[in-house]
C-alpha cells in the first residue's frame, strides 16, 4: 500500500525501482513543511528535470501530477498534503517507452500485459491506456523481476508494474496488492475476458 516503503524495501534488496521520497507534514509547522517540501523536491531531481507528485497509498493514477518548477510543485504538493492527511510522495519524472503489468500468485505468473497509453502521459487503464496481452514465455526477464519483488515484500498475490525508460533500462514502478481486471480490461474482447476469468479462478482456488 505504501509506495515509499515499497521502494525502500526493493532498493535495499538490490532490485531496481523508481525512487519515491516521503513528504510527511503531520505535526510540523508551516516553515518546516516548506523546508521539507523543498528538500524532497530537490532529492527527486526537480532542479534538473520534472517530478511526479502522488498519494503514498493511491491507485489508478488518481491525483498523480507532474510539475516542472518549484512553484507549481509546491502548490500541487500542498494540495496533496491537505487531501491525504499530511502525507505524500515525490518521484523523479521518467520519460517512459513502455509499462508492463505482471500478475503473480504464489510464486508464478498468472498474466502479463502491456499498458499502451493514449493521449494522457500516464499508463493507467483508467486514463484510457489500452491493455495488450503478452506471452509469458517471451518475457522471462520481467517476470523474474516481478517474482523477486513479491518474494522480498512477502506477497502471495500482487500486480507488479514495471517501466522501461528511454535508455532501455527496466525498473519496478509499483507493487500493487490488489488485483483489478475491470471493464477497461475485459472490454477489449473475448480473449481478455477469458484471461481475467482464469486469473480470478486461480485466486479462488488458492483460497480453498
C-alpha atoms as a PDB file:
ATOM      1  CA  UNK A   1       0.000   0.000   0.000  1.00  0.00           C
ATOM      2  CA  UNK A   2       2.906   2.369   0.711  1.00  0.00           C
ATOM      3  CA  UNK A   3       4.853   3.432  -2.380  1.00  0.00           C
ATOM      4  CA  UNK A   4       7.773   4.883  -0.412  1.00  0.00           C
ATOM      5  CA  UNK A   5       8.135   1.813   1.808  1.00  0.00           C
ATOM      6  CA  UNK A   6       7.924  -0.425  -1.264  1.00  0.00           C
ATOM      7  CA  UNK A   7      10.753   1.456  -2.959  1.00  0.00           C
ATOM      8  CA  UNK A   8      12.837   1.364   0.230  1.00  0.00           C
ATOM      9  CA  UNK A   9      12.434  -2.392   0.661  1.00  0.00           C
ATOM     10  CA  UNK A  10      13.055  -3.194  -3.014  1.00  0.00           C
ATOM     11  CA  UNK A  11      16.131  -0.987  -3.340  1.00  0.00           C
ATOM     12  CA  UNK A  12      17.585  -2.422  -0.125  1.00  0.00           C
ATOM     13  CA  UNK A  13      17.260  -5.861  -1.718  1.00  0.00           C
ATOM     14  CA  UNK A  14      19.120  -4.710  -4.825  1.00  0.00           C
ATOM     15  CA  UNK A  15      16.037  -4.523  -7.058  1.00  0.00           C
ATOM     16  CA  UNK A  16      15.870  -1.608  -9.494  1.00  0.00           C
ATOM     17  CA  UNK A  17      12.838   0.515  -8.664  1.00  0.00           C
ATOM     18  CA  UNK A  18      11.623   4.046  -9.348  1.00  0.00           C
ATOM     19  CA  UNK A  19      12.617   6.297  -6.460  1.00  0.00           C
ATOM     20  CA  UNK A  20       9.866   7.563  -4.164  1.00  0.00           C
ATOM     21  CA  UNK A  21      10.576  10.169  -1.480  1.00  0.00           C
ATOM     22  CA  UNK A  22       8.299  10.679   1.504  1.00  0.00           C
ATOM     23  CA  UNK A  23       6.837  14.057   2.447  1.00  0.00           C
ATOM     24  CA  UNK A  24       5.436  13.754   5.974  1.00  0.00           C
ATOM     25  CA  UNK A  25       3.872  17.002   7.136  1.00  0.00           C
ATOM     26  CA  UNK A  26       1.966  15.722  10.163  1.00  0.00           C
ATOM     27  CA  UNK A  27       2.733  17.715  13.299  1.00  0.00           C
ATOM     28  CA  UNK A  28       5.093  20.118  11.523  1.00  0.00           C
ATOM     29  CA  UNK A  29       4.966  23.892  11.369  1.00  0.00           C
ATOM     30  CA  UNK A  30       4.357  25.701   8.069  1.00  0.00           C
ATOM     31  CA  UNK A  31       8.015  26.697   7.960  1.00  0.00           C
ATOM     32  CA  UNK A  32       9.135  23.084   8.495  1.00  0.00           C
ATOM     33  CA  UNK A  33       6.725  21.858   5.820  1.00  0.00           C
ATOM     34  CA  UNK A  34       8.064  24.367   3.273  1.00  0.00           C
ATOM     35  CA  UNK A  35      11.638  23.307   4.030  1.00  0.00           C
ATOM     36  CA  UNK A  36      10.780  19.606   3.864  1.00  0.00           C
ATOM     37  CA  UNK A  37       8.935  20.002   0.550  1.00  0.00           C
ATOM     38  CA  UNK A  38      11.865  21.928  -0.911  1.00  0.00           C
ATOM     39  CA  UNK A  39      14.361  19.261   0.195  1.00  0.00           C
ATOM     40  CA  UNK A  40      12.339  16.355  -1.153  1.00  0.00           C
ATOM     41  CA  UNK A  41      11.655  18.062  -4.465  1.00  0.00           C
ATOM     42  CA  UNK A  42      15.396  18.602  -4.901  1.00  0.00           C
ATOM     43  CA  UNK A  43      16.094  14.970  -3.996  1.00  0.00           C
ATOM     44  CA  UNK A  44      13.624  13.906  -6.679  1.00  0.00           C
ATOM     45  CA  UNK A  45      15.598  15.922  -9.226  1.00  0.00           C
ATOM     46  CA  UNK A  46      13.350  18.926  -9.825  1.00  0.00           C
ATOM     47  CA  UNK A  47      16.349  21.213 -10.263  1.00  0.00           C
ATOM     48  CA  UNK A  48      17.313  19.224 -13.378  1.00  0.00           C
ATOM     49  CA  UNK A  49      14.003  17.841 -14.619  1.00  0.00           C
ATOM     50  CA  UNK A  50      10.353  17.331 -13.735  1.00  0.00           C
ATOM     51  CA  UNK A  51       8.925  15.445 -10.763  1.00  0.00           C
ATOM     52  CA  UNK A  52       5.803  13.397 -10.179  1.00  0.00           C
ATOM     53  CA  UNK A  53       3.667  14.054  -7.119  1.00  0.00           C
ATOM     54  CA  UNK A  54       1.312  11.362  -5.867  1.00  0.00           C
ATOM     55  CA  UNK A  55      -0.540   9.987  -2.840  1.00  0.00           C
ATOM     56  CA  UNK A  56       1.565   7.465  -0.929  1.00  0.00           C
ATOM     57  CA  UNK A  57      -1.264   4.907  -0.942  1.00  0.00           C
ATOM     58  CA  UNK A  58      -3.128   5.961  -4.086  1.00  0.00           C
ATOM     59  CA  UNK A  59      -4.151   3.802  -7.046  1.00  0.00           C
ATOM     60  CA  UNK A  60      -5.409   4.046 -10.632  1.00  0.00           C
ATOM     61  CA  UNK A  61      -3.442   7.243 -11.239  1.00  0.00           C
ATOM     62  CA  UNK A  62      -5.757   9.351  -9.081  1.00  0.00           C
ATOM     63  CA  UNK A  63      -4.243  12.690  -8.020  1.00  0.00           C
ATOM     64  CA  UNK A  64      -0.939  11.890  -9.738  1.00  0.00           C
ATOM     65  CA  UNK A  65       0.536  15.116 -11.110  1.00  0.00           C
ATOM     66  CA  UNK A  66       3.637  16.340 -12.936  1.00  0.00           C
ATOM     67  CA  UNK A  67       5.479  19.548 -12.141  1.00  0.00           C
ATOM     68  CA  UNK A  68       8.450  21.245 -13.786  1.00  0.00           C
ATOM     69  CA  UNK A  69       9.007  24.205 -11.423  1.00  0.00           C
ATOM     70  CA  UNK A  70       9.281  24.580  -7.659  1.00  0.00           C
ATOM     71  CA  UNK A  71       6.350  26.979  -7.550  1.00  0.00           C
ATOM     72  CA  UNK A  72       3.996  24.585  -9.338  1.00  0.00           C
ATOM     73  CA  UNK A  73       5.334  21.545  -7.489  1.00  0.00           C
ATOM     74  CA  UNK A  74       4.952  23.118  -4.067  1.00  0.00           C
ATOM     75  CA  UNK A  75       1.405  24.227  -4.855  1.00  0.00           C
ATOM     76  CA  UNK A  76       0.386  20.736  -6.012  1.00  0.00           C
ATOM     77  CA  UNK A  77       2.224  19.119  -3.128  1.00  0.00           C
ATOM     78  CA  UNK A  78       0.444  21.356  -0.628  1.00  0.00           C
ATOM     79  CA  UNK A  79      -2.921  20.302  -2.062  1.00  0.00           C
ATOM     80  CA  UNK A  80      -1.926  16.638  -1.821  1.00  0.00           C
ATOM     81  CA  UNK A  81      -0.875  17.030   1.795  1.00  0.00           C
ATOM     82  CA  UNK A  82      -4.200  18.671   2.631  1.00  0.00           C
ATOM     83  CA  UNK A  83      -6.166  15.943   0.838  1.00  0.00           C
ATOM     84  CA  UNK A  84      -4.222  12.971   2.185  1.00  0.00           C
ATOM     85  CA  UNK A  85      -3.785  13.775   5.858  1.00  0.00           C
ATOM     86  CA  UNK A  86      -0.337  15.305   5.617  1.00  0.00           C
ATOM     87  CA  UNK A  87       1.383  12.521   3.671  1.00  0.00           C
ATOM     88  CA  UNK A  88       2.530  12.470   0.034  1.00  0.00           C
ATOM     89  CA  UNK A  89       5.225  11.008  -2.211  1.00  0.00           C
ATOM     90  CA  UNK A  90       7.550  12.597  -4.768  1.00  0.00           C
ATOM     91  CA  UNK A  91       9.393  10.742  -7.513  1.00  0.00           C
ATOM     92  CA  UNK A  92      11.511  11.794 -10.490  1.00  0.00           C
ATOM     93  CA  UNK A  93       9.653  12.079 -13.770  1.00  0.00           C
ATOM     94  CA  UNK A  94      10.922   9.485 -16.232  1.00  0.00           C
ATOM     95  CA  UNK A  95      10.343   9.537 -19.956  1.00  0.00           C
ATOM     96  CA  UNK A  96       8.959   6.051 -20.446  1.00  0.00           C
ATOM     97  CA  UNK A  97       8.787   3.848 -23.507  1.00  0.00           C
ATOM     98  CA  UNK A  98       6.653   1.062 -22.044  1.00  0.00           C
ATOM     99  CA  UNK A  99       4.821  -0.067 -18.928  1.00  0.00           C
ATOM    100  CA  UNK A 100       4.045  -3.721 -18.265  1.00  0.00           C
ATOM    101  CA  UNK A 101       1.991  -5.358 -15.515  1.00  0.00           C
ATOM    102  CA  UNK A 102       2.699  -8.861 -14.220  1.00  0.00           C
ATOM    103  CA  UNK A 103       0.105 -10.551 -12.016  1.00  0.00           C
ATOM    104  CA  UNK A 104       1.729 -13.010  -9.644  1.00  0.00           C
ATOM    105  CA  UNK A 105       0.230 -15.673  -7.403  1.00  0.00           C
ATOM    106  CA  UNK A 106       2.232 -17.965  -5.120  1.00  0.00           C
ATOM    107  CA  UNK A 107       5.488 -17.548  -6.995  1.00  0.00           C
ATOM    108  CA  UNK A 108       4.185 -17.950 -10.535  1.00  0.00           C
ATOM    109  CA  UNK A 109       2.930 -15.524 -13.189  1.00  0.00           C
ATOM    110  CA  UNK A 110      -0.774 -15.652 -14.000  1.00  0.00           C
ATOM    111  CA  UNK A 111      -0.864 -12.889 -16.584  1.00  0.00           C
ATOM    112  CA  UNK A 112       1.329 -10.285 -18.229  1.00  0.00           C
ATOM    113  CA  UNK A 113       0.135  -7.354 -20.306  1.00  0.00           C
ATOM    114  CA  UNK A 114       1.410  -4.032 -21.559  1.00  0.00           C
ATOM    115  CA  UNK A 115      -0.424  -0.777 -20.852  1.00  0.00           C
ATOM    116  CA  UNK A 116      -0.266   1.320 -24.009  1.00  0.00           C
ATOM    117  CA  UNK A 117      -1.051   4.936 -23.191  1.00  0.00           C
ATOM    118  CA  UNK A 118      -3.336   7.123 -25.240  1.00  0.00           C
ATOM    119  CA  UNK A 119      -3.270  10.931 -25.127  1.00  0.00           C
ATOM    120  CA  UNK A 120      -2.587  11.024 -21.376  1.00  0.00           C
ATOM    121  CA  UNK A 121       1.023  10.781 -20.111  1.00  0.00           C
ATOM    122  CA  UNK A 122       0.019   8.152 -17.549  1.00  0.00           C
ATOM    123  CA  UNK A 123      -0.224   4.451 -18.379  1.00  0.00           C
ATOM    124  CA  UNK A 124      -3.304   3.787 -16.264  1.00  0.00           C
ATOM    125  CA  UNK A 125      -6.240   1.986 -17.871  1.00  0.00           C
ATOM    126  CA  UNK A 126      -8.494   4.438 -16.036  1.00  0.00           C
ATOM    127  CA  UNK A 127      -6.931   7.176 -18.189  1.00  0.00           C
ATOM    128  CA  UNK A 128      -7.661   5.375 -21.470  1.00  0.00           C
ATOM    129  CA  UNK A 129      -4.486   3.333 -21.736  1.00  0.00           C
ATOM    130  CA  UNK A 130      -5.106   0.124 -23.686  1.00  0.00           C
ATOM    131  CA  UNK A 131      -4.084  -3.319 -22.414  1.00  0.00           C
ATOM    132  CA  UNK A 132      -2.155  -5.627 -24.733  1.00  0.00           C
ATOM    133  CA  UNK A 133      -1.713  -9.256 -23.717  1.00  0.00           C
ATOM    134  CA  UNK A 134       1.862 -10.525 -23.807  1.00  0.00           C
ATOM    135  CA  UNK A 135       3.095 -14.142 -23.896  1.00  0.00           C
ATOM    136  CA  UNK A 136       4.542 -15.270 -20.592  1.00  0.00           C
ATOM    137  CA  UNK A 137       7.295 -17.365 -22.171  1.00  0.00           C
ATOM    138  CA  UNK A 138       8.712 -14.371 -24.075  1.00  0.00           C
ATOM    139  CA  UNK A 139       9.060 -12.086 -21.042  1.00  0.00           C
ATOM    140  CA  UNK A 140      11.075 -14.141 -18.581  1.00  0.00           C
ATOM    141  CA  UNK A 141      13.279 -11.216 -17.522  1.00  0.00           C
ATOM    142  CA  UNK A 142      10.340  -9.064 -16.419  1.00  0.00           C
ATOM    143  CA  UNK A 143       8.596 -11.990 -14.779  1.00  0.00           C
ATOM    144  CA  UNK A 144      11.721 -12.913 -12.808  1.00  0.00           C
ATOM    145  CA  UNK A 145      11.933  -9.334 -11.521  1.00  0.00           C
ATOM    146  CA  UNK A 146       8.243  -9.321 -10.556  1.00  0.00           C
ATOM    147  CA  UNK A 147       8.558 -12.648  -8.742  1.00  0.00           C
ATOM    148  CA  UNK A 148      11.604 -11.413  -6.858  1.00  0.00           C
ATOM    149  CA  UNK A 149       9.755  -8.273  -5.760  1.00  0.00           C
ATOM    150  CA  UNK A 150       6.864 -10.326  -4.389  1.00  0.00           C
ATOM    151  CA  UNK A 151       9.293 -12.605  -2.576  1.00  0.00           C
ATOM    152  CA  UNK A 152      11.132  -9.694  -0.957  1.00  0.00           C
ATOM    153  CA  UNK A 153       7.944  -7.949   0.165  1.00  0.00           C
ATOM    154  CA  UNK A 154       6.246 -11.177   1.187  1.00  0.00           C
ATOM    155  CA  UNK A 155       3.144 -11.114  -1.005  1.00  0.00           C
ATOM    156  CA  UNK A 156       1.384 -14.203  -2.322  1.00  0.00           C
ATOM    157  CA  UNK A 157      -0.721 -12.166  -4.732  1.00  0.00           C
ATOM    158  CA  UNK A 158       0.308  -8.938  -6.455  1.00  0.00           C
ATOM    159  CA  UNK A 159       0.184  -6.894  -9.644  1.00  0.00           C
ATOM    160  CA  UNK A 160       3.703  -5.651 -10.331  1.00  0.00           C
ATOM    161  CA  UNK A 161       4.159  -2.674 -12.655  1.00  0.00           C
ATOM    162  CA  UNK A 162       7.489  -2.401 -14.483  1.00  0.00           C
ATOM    163  CA  UNK A 163       8.548   0.510 -16.683  1.00  0.00           C
ATOM    164  CA  UNK A 164      11.116   0.866 -19.457  1.00  0.00           C
ATOM    165  CA  UNK A 165      12.907   4.208 -19.715  1.00  0.00           C
ATOM    166  CA  UNK A 166      14.287   5.808 -22.852  1.00  0.00           C
ATOM    167  CA  UNK A 167      17.698   4.317 -22.013  1.00  0.00           C
ATOM    168  CA  UNK A 168      16.066   0.853 -22.362  1.00  0.00           C
ATOM    169  CA  UNK A 169      16.515   0.047 -18.667  1.00  0.00           C
ATOM    170  CA  UNK A 170      13.650  -1.617 -16.765  1.00  0.00           C
ATOM    171  CA  UNK A 171      12.685  -0.982 -13.153  1.00  0.00           C
ATOM    172  CA  UNK A 172       9.719  -1.560 -10.898  1.00  0.00           C
ATOM    173  CA  UNK A 173       7.303   1.343 -10.585  1.00  0.00           C
ATOM    174  CA  UNK A 174       4.848  -0.129  -8.087  1.00  0.00           C
ATOM    175  CA  UNK A 175       3.785  -3.362  -6.446  1.00  0.00           C
ATOM    176  CA  UNK A 176       0.004  -3.476  -6.044  1.00  0.00           C
ATOM    177  CA  UNK A 177      -1.511  -5.901  -3.578  1.00  0.00           C
ATOM    178  CA  UNK A 178      -4.941  -5.543  -5.187  1.00  0.00           C
ATOM    179  CA  UNK A 179      -5.976  -7.127  -8.478  1.00  0.00           C
ATOM    180  CA  UNK A 180      -8.476  -5.334 -10.685  1.00  0.00           C
ATOM    181  CA  UNK A 181      -9.274  -6.519 -14.195  1.00  0.00           C
ATOM    182  CA  UNK A 182     -12.378  -4.459 -14.777  1.00  0.00           C
ATOM    183  CA  UNK A 183     -14.267  -3.180 -17.786  1.00  0.00           C
ATOM    184  CA  UNK A 184     -11.220  -1.376 -19.215  1.00  0.00           C
ATOM    185  CA  UNK A 185      -9.514  -4.776 -19.489  1.00  0.00           C
ATOM    186  CA  UNK A 186     -12.268  -7.296 -20.243  1.00  0.00           C
ATOM    187  CA  UNK A 187     -13.934  -4.837 -22.618  1.00  0.00           C
ATOM    188  CA  UNK A 188     -11.140  -5.452 -25.129  1.00  0.00           C
ATOM    189  CA  UNK A 189     -12.732  -8.726 -26.243  1.00  0.00           C
ATOM    190  CA  UNK A 190     -13.313 -12.393 -25.541  1.00  0.00           C
ATOM    191  CA  UNK A 191      -9.603 -13.196 -25.171  1.00  0.00           C
ATOM    192  CA  UNK A 192      -9.274 -10.613 -22.413  1.00  0.00           C
ATOM    193  CA  UNK A 193     -12.414 -11.847 -20.679  1.00  0.00           C
ATOM    194  CA  UNK A 194     -11.022 -15.389 -20.654  1.00  0.00           C
ATOM    195  CA  UNK A 195      -7.680 -14.160 -19.329  1.00  0.00           C
ATOM    196  CA  UNK A 196      -9.355 -12.256 -16.488  1.00  0.00           C
ATOM    197  CA  UNK A 197     -11.584 -15.223 -15.637  1.00  0.00           C
ATOM    198  CA  UNK A 198      -8.527 -17.504 -15.447  1.00  0.00           C
ATOM    199  CA  UNK A 199      -6.799 -15.098 -13.050  1.00  0.00           C
ATOM    200  CA  UNK A 200      -9.774 -14.871 -10.704  1.00  0.00           C
ATOM    201  CA  UNK A 201     -10.354 -18.625 -10.847  1.00  0.00           C
ATOM    202  CA  UNK A 202      -6.723 -19.251  -9.854  1.00  0.00           C
ATOM    203  CA  UNK A 203      -7.097 -16.830  -6.914  1.00  0.00           C
ATOM    204  CA  UNK A 204     -10.292 -18.522  -5.698  1.00  0.00           C
ATOM    205  CA  UNK A 205      -8.673 -21.956  -5.941  1.00  0.00           C
ATOM    206  CA  UNK A 206      -5.690 -20.738  -3.949  1.00  0.00           C
ATOM    207  CA  UNK A 207      -8.067 -19.854  -1.123  1.00  0.00           C
ATOM    208  CA  UNK A 208      -9.659 -23.294  -0.969  1.00  0.00           C
END
